PDB file of N, CA and C in Angstrom:
ATOM      1  N   MET A   1    -103.386 -72.180  31.154  1.00  0.00           N
ATOM      2  CA  MET A   1    -103.954 -71.899  32.458  1.00  0.00           C
ATOM      3  C   MET A   1    -103.098 -72.605  33.504  1.00  0.00           C
ATOM      4  N   THR A   2    -102.681 -71.831  34.500  1.00  0.00           N
ATOM      5  CA  THR A   2    -101.850 -72.412  35.553  1.00  0.00           C
ATOM      6  C   THR A   2    -102.710 -73.205  36.530  1.00  0.00           C
ATOM      7  N   MET A   3    -102.027 -73.958  37.352  1.00  0.00           N
ATOM      8  CA  MET A   3    -102.732 -74.786  38.335  1.00  0.00           C
ATOM      9  C   MET A   3    -103.511 -73.920  39.323  1.00  0.00           C
ATOM     10  N   GLU A   4    -102.917 -72.766  39.705  1.00  0.00           N
ATOM     11  CA  GLU A   4    -103.588 -71.878  40.653  1.00  0.00           C
ATOM     12  C   GLU A   4    -104.866 -71.292  40.038  1.00  0.00           C
ATOM     13  N   GLN A   5    -104.805 -70.886  38.783  1.00  0.00           N
ATOM     14  CA  GLN A   5    -105.998 -70.366  38.109  1.00  0.00           C
ATOM     15  C   GLN A   5    -107.053 -71.460  37.962  1.00  0.00           C
ATOM     16  N   HIS A   6    -106.607 -72.664  37.695  1.00  0.00           N
ATOM     17  CA  HIS A   6    -107.520 -73.795  37.568  1.00  0.00           C
ATOM     18  C   HIS A   6    -108.235 -74.054  38.889  1.00  0.00           C
ATOM     19  N   SER A   7    -107.507 -73.996  40.000  1.00  0.00           N
ATOM     20  CA  SER A   7    -108.101 -74.218  41.320  1.00  0.00           C
ATOM     21  C   SER A   7    -109.111 -73.128  41.652  1.00  0.00           C
ATOM     22  N   ILE A   8    -108.780 -71.883  41.357  1.00  0.00           N
ATOM     23  CA  ILE A   8    -109.698 -70.781  41.630  1.00  0.00           C
ATOM     24  C   ILE A   8    -110.979 -70.943  40.828  1.00  0.00           C
ATOM     25  N   LEU A   9    -110.862 -71.352  39.584  1.00  0.00           N
ATOM     26  CA  LEU A   9    -112.040 -71.571  38.744  1.00  0.00           C
ATOM     27  C   LEU A   9    -112.919 -72.683  39.318  1.00  0.00           C
ATOM     28  N   ILE A  10    -112.300 -73.748  39.797  1.00  0.00           N
ATOM     29  CA  ILE A  10    -113.058 -74.848  40.410  1.00  0.00           C
ATOM     30  C   ILE A  10    -113.771 -74.352  41.671  1.00  0.00           C
ATOM     31  N   TYR A  11    -113.090 -73.551  42.497  1.00  0.00           N
ATOM     32  CA  TYR A  11    -113.709 -73.021  43.718  1.00  0.00           C
ATOM     33  C   TYR A  11    -114.904 -72.137  43.392  1.00  0.00           C
ATOM     34  N   ILE A  12    -114.769 -71.299  42.386  1.00  0.00           N
ATOM     35  CA  ILE A  12    -115.872 -70.408  41.995  1.00  0.00           C
ATOM     36  C   ILE A  12    -117.059 -71.223  41.495  1.00  0.00           C
ATOM     37  N   LEU A  13    -116.810 -72.195  40.652  1.00  0.00           N
ATOM     38  CA  LEU A  13    -117.901 -73.034  40.143  1.00  0.00           C
ATOM     39  C   LEU A  13    -118.561 -73.831  41.269  1.00  0.00           C
ATOM     40  N   LEU A  14    -117.776 -74.334  42.197  1.00  0.00           N
ATOM     41  CA  LEU A  14    -118.324 -75.066  43.337  1.00  0.00           C
ATOM     42  C   LEU A  14    -119.193 -74.152  44.208  1.00  0.00           C
ATOM     43  N   ALA A  15    -118.764 -72.920  44.413  1.00  0.00           N
ATOM     44  CA  ALA A  15    -119.559 -71.965  45.188  1.00  0.00           C
ATOM     45  C   ALA A  15    -120.876 -71.653  44.483  1.00  0.00           C
ATOM     46  N   ILE A  16    -120.850 -71.527  43.171  1.00  0.00           N
ATOM     47  CA  ILE A  16    -122.074 -71.272  42.410  1.00  0.00           C
ATOM     48  C   ILE A  16    -123.044 -72.438  42.553  1.00  0.00           C
ATOM     49  N   VAL A  17    -122.545 -73.660  42.420  1.00  0.00           N
ATOM     50  CA  VAL A  17    -123.403 -74.845  42.512  1.00  0.00           C
ATOM     51  C   VAL A  17    -124.019 -74.959  43.915  1.00  0.00           C
ATOM     52  N   ILE A  18    -123.211 -74.796  44.943  1.00  0.00           N
ATOM     53  CA  ILE A  18    -123.715 -74.936  46.312  1.00  0.00           C
ATOM     54  C   ILE A  18    -124.734 -73.847  46.631  1.00  0.00           C
ATOM     55  N   THR A  19    -124.440 -72.607  46.227  1.00  0.00           N
ATOM     56  CA  THR A  19    -125.379 -71.511  46.480  1.00  0.00           C
ATOM     57  C   THR A  19    -126.712 -71.762  45.800  1.00  0.00           C
ATOM     58  N   ASN A  20    -126.677 -72.220  44.574  1.00  0.00           N
ATOM     59  CA  ASN A  20    -127.932 -72.480  43.864  1.00  0.00           C
ATOM     60  C   ASN A  20    -128.667 -73.691  44.430  1.00  0.00           C
ATOM     61  N   LEU A  21    -127.940 -74.702  44.895  1.00  0.00           N
ATOM     62  CA  LEU A  21    -128.603 -75.847  45.521  1.00  0.00           C
ATOM     63  C   LEU A  21    -129.341 -75.436  46.794  1.00  0.00           C
ATOM     64  N   ILE A  22    -128.721 -74.551  47.575  1.00  0.00           N
ATOM     65  CA  ILE A  22    -129.364 -74.084  48.800  1.00  0.00           C
ATOM     66  C   ILE A  22    -130.645 -73.325  48.480  1.00  0.00           C
ATOM     67  N   ARG A  23    -130.661 -72.586  47.387  1.00  0.00           N
ATOM     68  CA  ARG A  23    -131.843 -71.798  47.036  1.00  0.00           C
ATOM     69  C   ARG A  23    -132.910 -72.610  46.313  1.00  0.00           C
ATOM     70  N   VAL A  24    -132.509 -73.587  45.532  1.00  0.00           N
ATOM     71  CA  VAL A  24    -133.463 -74.325  44.709  1.00  0.00           C
ATOM     72  C   VAL A  24    -134.076 -75.506  45.462  1.00  0.00           C
ATOM     73  N   THR A  25    -133.317 -76.148  46.328  1.00  0.00           N
ATOM     74  CA  THR A  25    -133.796 -77.348  47.016  1.00  0.00           C
ATOM     75  C   THR A  25    -135.109 -77.133  47.771  1.00  0.00           C
ATOM     76  N   PRO A  26    -135.267 -76.056  48.559  1.00  0.00           N
ATOM     77  CA  PRO A  26    -136.555 -75.880  49.231  1.00  0.00           C
ATOM     78  C   PRO A  26    -137.720 -75.724  48.262  1.00  0.00           C
ATOM     79  N   MET A  27    -137.496 -75.055  47.137  1.00  0.00           N
ATOM     80  CA  MET A  27    -138.580 -74.877  46.165  1.00  0.00           C
ATOM     81  C   MET A  27    -138.976 -76.197  45.516  1.00  0.00           C
ATOM     82  N   VAL A  28    -138.010 -77.087  45.366  1.00  0.00           N
ATOM     83  CA  VAL A  28    -138.300 -78.377  44.740  1.00  0.00           C
ATOM     84  C   VAL A  28    -138.968 -79.325  45.743  1.00  0.00           C
ATOM     85  N   LEU A  29    -138.510 -79.305  46.985  1.00  0.00           N
ATOM     86  CA  LEU A  29    -139.015 -80.259  47.970  1.00  0.00           C
ATOM     87  C   LEU A  29    -140.343 -79.838  48.609  1.00  0.00           C
ATOM     88  N   ILE A  30    -140.568 -78.535  48.736  1.00  0.00           N
ATOM     89  CA  ILE A  30    -141.778 -78.063  49.413  1.00  0.00           C
ATOM     90  C   ILE A  30    -142.744 -77.540  48.364  1.00  0.00           C
ATOM     91  N   LYS A  31    -143.841 -78.241  48.215  1.00  0.00           N
ATOM     92  CA  LYS A  31    -144.861 -77.819  47.262  1.00  0.00           C
ATOM     93  C   LYS A  31    -146.107 -77.451  48.053  1.00  0.00           C
ATOM     94  N   GLY A  32    -146.700 -76.339  47.728  1.00  0.00           N
ATOM     95  CA  GLY A  32    -147.905 -75.920  48.425  1.00  0.00           C
ATOM     96  C   GLY A  32    -147.600 -75.136  49.679  1.00  0.00           C
ATOM     97  N   GLU A  33    -148.640 -74.867  50.455  1.00  0.00           N
ATOM     98  CA  GLU A  33    -148.513 -74.063  51.657  1.00  0.00           C
ATOM     99  C   GLU A  33    -148.059 -74.925  52.838  1.00  0.00           C
ATOM    100  N   LEU A  34    -147.227 -74.321  53.694  1.00  0.00           N
ATOM    101  CA  LEU A  34    -146.772 -74.999  54.896  1.00  0.00           C
ATOM    102  C   LEU A  34    -147.816 -74.834  55.993  1.00  0.00           C
ATOM    103  N   HIS A  35    -148.196 -75.933  56.628  1.00  0.00           N
ATOM    104  CA  HIS A  35    -149.199 -75.883  57.677  1.00  0.00           C
ATOM    105  C   HIS A  35    -148.608 -76.064  59.066  1.00  0.00           C
ATOM    106  N   ASN A  36    -147.374 -76.520  59.159  1.00  0.00           N
ATOM    107  CA  ASN A  36    -146.717 -76.727  60.444  1.00  0.00           C
ATOM    108  C   ASN A  36    -146.351 -75.363  61.044  1.00  0.00           C
ATOM    109  N   ARG A  37    -146.868 -75.069  62.240  1.00  0.00           N
ATOM    110  CA  ARG A  37    -146.620 -73.770  62.867  1.00  0.00           C
ATOM    111  C   ARG A  37    -145.149 -73.571  63.199  1.00  0.00           C
ATOM    112  N   PHE A  38    -144.477 -74.634  63.646  1.00  0.00           N
ATOM    113  CA  PHE A  38    -143.067 -74.514  63.995  1.00  0.00           C
ATOM    114  C   PHE A  38    -142.228 -74.144  62.773  1.00  0.00           C
ATOM    115  N   VAL A  39    -142.436 -74.825  61.665  1.00  0.00           N
ATOM    116  CA  VAL A  39    -141.663 -74.560  60.443  1.00  0.00           C
ATOM    117  C   VAL A  39    -141.956 -73.151  59.937  1.00  0.00           C
ATOM    118  N   ARG A  40    -143.223 -72.759  59.963  1.00  0.00           N
ATOM    119  CA  ARG A  40    -143.587 -71.417  59.498  1.00  0.00           C
ATOM    120  C   ARG A  40    -142.929 -70.342  60.355  1.00  0.00           C
ATOM    121  N   SER A  41    -142.965 -70.497  61.677  1.00  0.00           N
ATOM    122  CA  SER A  41    -142.354 -69.490  62.541  1.00  0.00           C
ATOM    123  C   SER A  41    -140.835 -69.506  62.388  1.00  0.00           C
ATOM    124  N   PHE A  42    -140.249 -70.685  62.221  1.00  0.00           N
ATOM    125  CA  PHE A  42    -138.805 -70.786  62.003  1.00  0.00           C
ATOM    126  C   PHE A  42    -138.401 -70.026  60.741  1.00  0.00           C
ATOM    127  N   LEU A  43    -139.105 -70.255  59.648  1.00  0.00           N
ATOM    128  CA  LEU A  43    -138.782 -69.578  58.393  1.00  0.00           C
ATOM    129  C   LEU A  43    -139.060 -68.081  58.461  1.00  0.00           C
ATOM    130  N   TYR A  44    -140.010 -67.676  59.284  1.00  0.00           N
ATOM    131  CA  TYR A  44    -140.313 -66.252  59.429  1.00  0.00           C
ATOM    132  C   TYR A  44    -139.153 -65.522  60.099  1.00  0.00           C
ATOM    133  N   TYR A  45    -138.539 -66.141  61.109  1.00  0.00           N
ATOM    134  CA  TYR A  45    -137.505 -65.465  61.887  1.00  0.00           C
ATOM    135  C   TYR A  45    -136.092 -65.659  61.351  1.00  0.00           C
ATOM    136  N   VAL A  46    -135.877 -66.513  60.387  1.00  0.00           N
ATOM    137  CA  VAL A  46    -134.531 -66.759  59.865  1.00  0.00           C
ATOM    138  C   VAL A  46    -133.851 -65.479  59.363  1.00  0.00           C
ATOM    139  N   PRO A  47    -134.511 -64.621  58.568  1.00  0.00           N
ATOM    140  CA  PRO A  47    -133.813 -63.399  58.119  1.00  0.00           C
ATOM    141  C   PRO A  47    -133.395 -62.490  59.269  1.00  0.00           C
ATOM    142  N   TYR A  48    -134.227 -62.378  60.295  1.00  0.00           N
ATOM    143  CA  TYR A  48    -133.896 -61.512  61.424  1.00  0.00           C
ATOM    144  C   TYR A  48    -132.712 -62.056  62.212  1.00  0.00           C
ATOM    145  N   VAL A  49    -132.698 -63.347  62.424  1.00  0.00           N
ATOM    146  CA  VAL A  49    -131.595 -63.966  63.166  1.00  0.00           C
ATOM    147  C   VAL A  49    -130.302 -63.850  62.372  1.00  0.00           C
ATOM    148  N   THR A  50    -130.374 -64.067  61.083  1.00  0.00           N
ATOM    149  CA  THR A  50    -129.181 -63.957  60.244  1.00  0.00           C
ATOM    150  C   THR A  50    -128.619 -62.552  60.283  1.00  0.00           C
ATOM    151  N   LEU A  51    -129.475 -61.560  60.166  1.00  0.00           N
ATOM    152  CA  LEU A  51    -129.021 -60.172  60.227  1.00  0.00           C
ATOM    153  C   LEU A  51    -128.409 -59.858  61.587  1.00  0.00           C
ATOM    154  N   ALA A  52    -129.028 -60.336  62.650  1.00  0.00           N
ATOM    155  CA  ALA A  52    -128.496 -60.085  63.988  1.00  0.00           C
ATOM    156  C   ALA A  52    -127.130 -60.736  64.182  1.00  0.00           C
ATOM    157  N   VAL A  53    -126.974 -61.955  63.712  1.00  0.00           N
ATOM    158  CA  VAL A  53    -125.699 -62.659  63.865  1.00  0.00           C
ATOM    159  C   VAL A  53    -124.598 -61.973  63.059  1.00  0.00           C
ATOM    160  N   MET A  54    -124.941 -61.419  61.919  1.00  0.00           N
ATOM    161  CA  MET A  54    -123.934 -60.758  61.092  1.00  0.00           C
ATOM    162  C   MET A  54    -123.542 -59.387  61.642  1.00  0.00           C
ATOM    163  N   THR A  55    -124.466 -58.689  62.289  1.00  0.00           N
ATOM    164  CA  THR A  55    -124.174 -57.325  62.720  1.00  0.00           C
ATOM    165  C   THR A  55    -123.810 -57.199  64.189  1.00  0.00           C
ATOM    166  N   PHE A  56    -124.197 -58.143  65.023  1.00  0.00           N
ATOM    167  CA  PHE A  56    -123.984 -58.006  66.466  1.00  0.00           C
ATOM    168  C   PHE A  56    -122.528 -57.777  66.853  1.00  0.00           C
ATOM    169  N   PRO A  57    -121.568 -58.560  66.390  1.00  0.00           N
ATOM    170  CA  PRO A  57    -120.182 -58.319  66.812  1.00  0.00           C
ATOM    171  C   PRO A  57    -119.675 -56.939  66.406  1.00  0.00           C
ATOM    172  N   ASP A  58    -120.074 -56.460  65.235  1.00  0.00           N
ATOM    173  CA  ASP A  58    -119.598 -55.156  64.775  1.00  0.00           C
ATOM    174  C   ASP A  58    -120.203 -54.011  65.574  1.00  0.00           C
ATOM    175  N   MET A  59    -121.375 -54.206  66.159  1.00  0.00           N
ATOM    176  CA  MET A  59    -121.958 -53.137  66.974  1.00  0.00           C
ATOM    177  C   MET A  59    -121.067 -52.834  68.170  1.00  0.00           C
ATOM    178  N   ILE A  60    -120.445 -53.839  68.707  1.00  0.00           N
ATOM    179  CA  ILE A  60    -119.613 -53.646  69.888  1.00  0.00           C
ATOM    180  C   ILE A  60    -118.166 -53.345  69.503  1.00  0.00           C
ATOM    181  N   LEU A  61    -117.665 -53.963  68.457  1.00  0.00           N
ATOM    182  CA  LEU A  61    -116.252 -53.830  68.103  1.00  0.00           C
ATOM    183  C   LEU A  61    -115.950 -52.650  67.179  1.00  0.00           C
ATOM    184  N   ALA A  62    -116.959 -51.923  66.709  1.00  0.00           N
ATOM    185  CA  ALA A  62    -116.725 -50.815  65.782  1.00  0.00           C
ATOM    186  C   ALA A  62    -116.212 -49.568  66.491  1.00  0.00           C
ATOM    187  N   THR A  63    -116.360 -49.507  67.795  1.00  0.00           N
ATOM    188  CA  THR A  63    -115.901 -48.350  68.558  1.00  0.00           C
ATOM    189  C   THR A  63    -114.507 -48.621  69.112  1.00  0.00           C
ATOM    190  N   PRO A  64    -113.782 -47.560  69.465  1.00  0.00           N
ATOM    191  CA  PRO A  64    -112.425 -47.775  69.992  1.00  0.00           C
ATOM    192  C   PRO A  64    -112.401 -48.665  71.242  1.00  0.00           C
ATOM    193  N   THR A  65    -113.399 -48.514  72.095  1.00  0.00           N
ATOM    194  CA  THR A  65    -113.552 -49.396  73.246  1.00  0.00           C
ATOM    195  C   THR A  65    -114.952 -50.005  73.179  1.00  0.00           C
ATOM    196  N   PRO A  66    -115.149 -51.168  73.733  1.00  0.00           N
ATOM    197  CA  PRO A  66    -116.459 -51.824  73.620  1.00  0.00           C
ATOM    198  C   PRO A  66    -117.597 -51.132  74.379  1.00  0.00           C
ATOM    199  N   LEU A  67    -117.280 -50.325  75.399  1.00  0.00           N
ATOM    200  CA  LEU A  67    -118.321 -49.748  76.250  1.00  0.00           C
ATOM    201  C   LEU A  67    -119.349 -48.900  75.492  1.00  0.00           C
ATOM    202  N   PRO A  68    -118.960 -47.955  74.620  1.00  0.00           N
ATOM    203  CA  PRO A  68    -119.992 -47.193  73.893  1.00  0.00           C
ATOM    204  C   PRO A  68    -120.879 -48.089  73.024  1.00  0.00           C
ATOM    205  N   GLY A  69    -120.299 -49.110  72.426  1.00  0.00           N
ATOM    206  CA  GLY A  69    -121.090 -50.035  71.618  1.00  0.00           C
ATOM    207  C   GLY A  69    -122.079 -50.822  72.444  1.00  0.00           C
ATOM    208  N   ILE A  70    -121.656 -51.248  73.631  1.00  0.00           N
ATOM    209  CA  ILE A  70    -122.554 -52.013  74.513  1.00  0.00           C
ATOM    210  C   ILE A  70    -123.694 -51.126  75.010  1.00  0.00           C
ATOM    211  N   ILE A  71    -123.377 -49.887  75.400  1.00  0.00           N
ATOM    212  CA  ILE A  71    -124.412 -48.970  75.878  1.00  0.00           C
ATOM    213  C   ILE A  71    -125.396 -48.652  74.755  1.00  0.00           C
ATOM    214  N   ALA A  72    -124.895 -48.404  73.548  1.00  0.00           N
ATOM    215  CA  ALA A  72    -125.784 -48.133  72.415  1.00  0.00           C
ATOM    216  C   ALA A  72    -126.639 -49.355  72.083  1.00  0.00           C
ATOM    217  N   LEU A  73    -126.065 -50.537  72.192  1.00  0.00           N
ATOM    218  CA  LEU A  73    -126.826 -51.759  71.950  1.00  0.00           C
ATOM    219  C   LEU A  73    -127.965 -51.892  72.955  1.00  0.00           C
ATOM    220  N   LEU A  74    -127.680 -51.654  74.218  1.00  0.00           N
ATOM    221  CA  LEU A  74    -128.728 -51.733  75.243  1.00  0.00           C
ATOM    222  C   LEU A  74    -129.805 -50.670  75.017  1.00  0.00           C
ATOM    223  N   ALA A  75    -129.383 -49.462  74.641  1.00  0.00           N
ATOM    224  CA  ALA A  75    -130.358 -48.412  74.352  1.00  0.00           C
ATOM    225  C   ALA A  75    -131.206 -48.779  73.134  1.00  0.00           C
ATOM    226  N   GLY A  76    -130.594 -49.402  72.146  1.00  0.00           N
ATOM    227  CA  GLY A  76    -131.344 -49.847  70.977  1.00  0.00           C
ATOM    228  C   GLY A  76    -132.355 -50.927  71.319  1.00  0.00           C
ATOM    229  N   ILE A  77    -131.975 -51.827  72.207  1.00  0.00           N
ATOM    230  CA  ILE A  77    -132.913 -52.877  72.636  1.00  0.00           C
ATOM    231  C   ILE A  77    -134.103 -52.254  73.362  1.00  0.00           C
ATOM    232  N   VAL A  78    -133.829 -51.282  74.242  1.00  0.00           N
ATOM    233  CA  VAL A  78    -134.911 -50.613  74.966  1.00  0.00           C
ATOM    234  C   VAL A  78    -135.811 -49.852  73.988  1.00  0.00           C
ATOM    235  N   ALA A  79    -135.210 -49.130  73.045  1.00  0.00           N
ATOM    236  CA  ALA A  79    -135.997 -48.370  72.075  1.00  0.00           C
ATOM    237  C   ALA A  79    -136.847 -49.312  71.217  1.00  0.00           C
ATOM    238  N   ALA A  80    -136.293 -50.434  70.823  1.00  0.00           N
ATOM    239  CA  ALA A  80    -137.060 -51.401  70.031  1.00  0.00           C
ATOM    240  C   ALA A  80    -138.160 -52.034  70.873  1.00  0.00           C
ATOM    241  N   TRP A  81    -137.910 -52.214  72.168  1.00  0.00           N
ATOM    242  CA  TRP A  81    -138.921 -52.777  73.067  1.00  0.00           C
ATOM    243  C   TRP A  81    -140.156 -51.887  73.111  1.00  0.00           C
ATOM    244  N   PHE A  82    -139.919 -50.565  73.016  1.00  0.00           N
ATOM    245  CA  PHE A  82    -141.031 -49.617  72.996  1.00  0.00           C
ATOM    246  C   PHE A  82    -141.577 -49.390  71.591  1.00  0.00           C
ATOM    247  N   ARG A  83    -141.266 -50.289  70.692  1.00  0.00           N
ATOM    248  CA  ARG A  83    -141.806 -50.345  69.334  1.00  0.00           C
ATOM    249  C   ARG A  83    -141.470 -49.131  68.477  1.00  0.00           C
ATOM    250  N   LEU A  84    -140.303 -48.555  68.689  1.00  0.00           N
ATOM    251  CA  LEU A  84    -139.834 -47.522  67.770  1.00  0.00           C
ATOM    252  C   LEU A  84    -139.398 -48.203  66.477  1.00  0.00           C
ATOM    253  N   GLY A  85    -139.447 -47.490  65.397  1.00  0.00           N
ATOM    254  CA  GLY A  85    -139.088 -48.065  64.106  1.00  0.00           C
ATOM    255  C   GLY A  85    -137.589 -48.253  63.955  1.00  0.00           C
ATOM    256  N   LEU A  86    -137.206 -48.805  62.821  1.00  0.00           N
ATOM    257  CA  LEU A  86    -135.791 -49.091  62.563  1.00  0.00           C
ATOM    258  C   LEU A  86    -134.965 -47.812  62.527  1.00  0.00           C
ATOM    259  N   PHE A  87    -135.455 -46.795  61.836  1.00  0.00           N
ATOM    260  CA  PHE A  87    -134.685 -45.554  61.725  1.00  0.00           C
ATOM    261  C   PHE A  87    -134.493 -44.863  63.078  1.00  0.00           C
ATOM    262  N   PRO A  88    -135.562 -44.687  63.896  1.00  0.00           N
ATOM    263  CA  PRO A  88    -135.323 -44.061  65.205  1.00  0.00           C
ATOM    264  C   PRO A  88    -134.367 -44.865  66.098  1.00  0.00           C
ATOM    265  N   VAL A  89    -134.469 -46.174  66.075  1.00  0.00           N
ATOM    266  CA  VAL A  89    -133.564 -46.996  66.884  1.00  0.00           C
ATOM    267  C   VAL A  89    -132.126 -46.813  66.418  1.00  0.00           C
ATOM    268  N   ALA A  90    -131.914 -46.846  65.110  1.00  0.00           N
ATOM    269  CA  ALA A  90    -130.563 -46.653  64.576  1.00  0.00           C
ATOM    270  C   ALA A  90    -130.041 -45.261  64.902  1.00  0.00           C
ATOM    271  N   ALA A  91    -130.910 -44.252  64.803  1.00  0.00           N
ATOM    272  CA  ALA A  91    -130.490 -42.881  65.108  1.00  0.00           C
ATOM    273  C   ALA A  91    -130.118 -42.739  66.579  1.00  0.00           C
ATOM    274  N   ILE A  92    -130.908 -43.314  67.462  1.00  0.00           N
ATOM    275  CA  ILE A  92    -130.614 -43.259  68.893  1.00  0.00           C
ATOM    276  C   ILE A  92    -129.265 -43.920  69.183  1.00  0.00           C
ATOM    277  N   CYS A  93    -129.037 -45.061  68.596  1.00  0.00           N
ATOM    278  CA  CYS A  93    -127.766 -45.771  68.816  1.00  0.00           C
ATOM    279  C   CYS A  93    -126.585 -44.965  68.292  1.00  0.00           C
ATOM    280  N   CYS A  94    -126.746 -44.368  67.126  1.00  0.00           N
ATOM    281  CA  CYS A  94    -125.650 -43.571  66.550  1.00  0.00           C
ATOM    282  C   CYS A  94    -125.348 -42.353  67.405  1.00  0.00           C
ATOM    283  N   VAL A  95    -126.384 -41.678  67.890  1.00  0.00           N
ATOM    284  CA  VAL A  95    -126.179 -40.500  68.738  1.00  0.00           C
ATOM    285  C   VAL A  95    -125.481 -40.885  70.039  1.00  0.00           C
ATOM    286  N   ILE A  96    -125.885 -41.995  70.624  1.00  0.00           N
ATOM    287  CA  ILE A  96    -125.261 -42.435  71.877  1.00  0.00           C
ATOM    288  C   ILE A  96    -123.779 -42.750  71.662  1.00  0.00           C
ATOM    289  N   VAL A  97    -123.472 -43.458  70.598  1.00  0.00           N
ATOM    290  CA  VAL A  97    -122.052 -43.771  70.326  1.00  0.00           C
ATOM    291  C   VAL A  97    -121.272 -42.490  70.068  1.00  0.00           C
ATOM    292  N   TYR A  98    -121.857 -41.574  69.308  1.00  0.00           N
ATOM    293  CA  TYR A  98    -121.175 -40.302  69.016  1.00  0.00           C
ATOM    294  C   TYR A  98    -120.883 -39.526  70.291  1.00  0.00           C
ATOM    295  N   LEU A  99    -121.859 -39.513  71.196  1.00  0.00           N
ATOM    296  CA  LEU A  99    -121.660 -38.756  72.442  1.00  0.00           C
ATOM    297  C   LEU A  99    -120.667 -39.434  73.395  1.00  0.00           C
ATOM    298  N   LEU A 100    -120.579 -40.747  73.346  1.00  0.00           N
ATOM    299  CA  LEU A 100    -119.704 -41.460  74.278  1.00  0.00           C
ATOM    300  C   LEU A 100    -118.264 -41.626  73.787  1.00  0.00           C
ATOM    301  N   ILE A 101    -118.043 -41.382  72.523  1.00  0.00           N
ATOM    302  CA  ILE A 101    -116.662 -41.548  72.008  1.00  0.00           C
ATOM    303  C   ILE A 101    -115.827 -40.352  72.293  1.00  0.00           C
TER     304      ILE A 101
END
């Protein structure tokens, strides 16, 4: 095994350990139901914030120019404000980008 292969193996094992520690630590430290409203609301919104942070830049940068992405993003925010579901909001955004490109 070469040094480069050895390093890659160490990196993979380290990533496995860290990923599992992040997932297991809360289960070990928190027993029972959470009563703190702040912690409960924080944990409720974490998946939504993570998804938004991962997708937001691509909504604007996926088009040849940023303007169609920005307009579709604003239209999606308005559609979501009026409590349309995920599919209608996504469809509205896609149609707007298609028409503006």
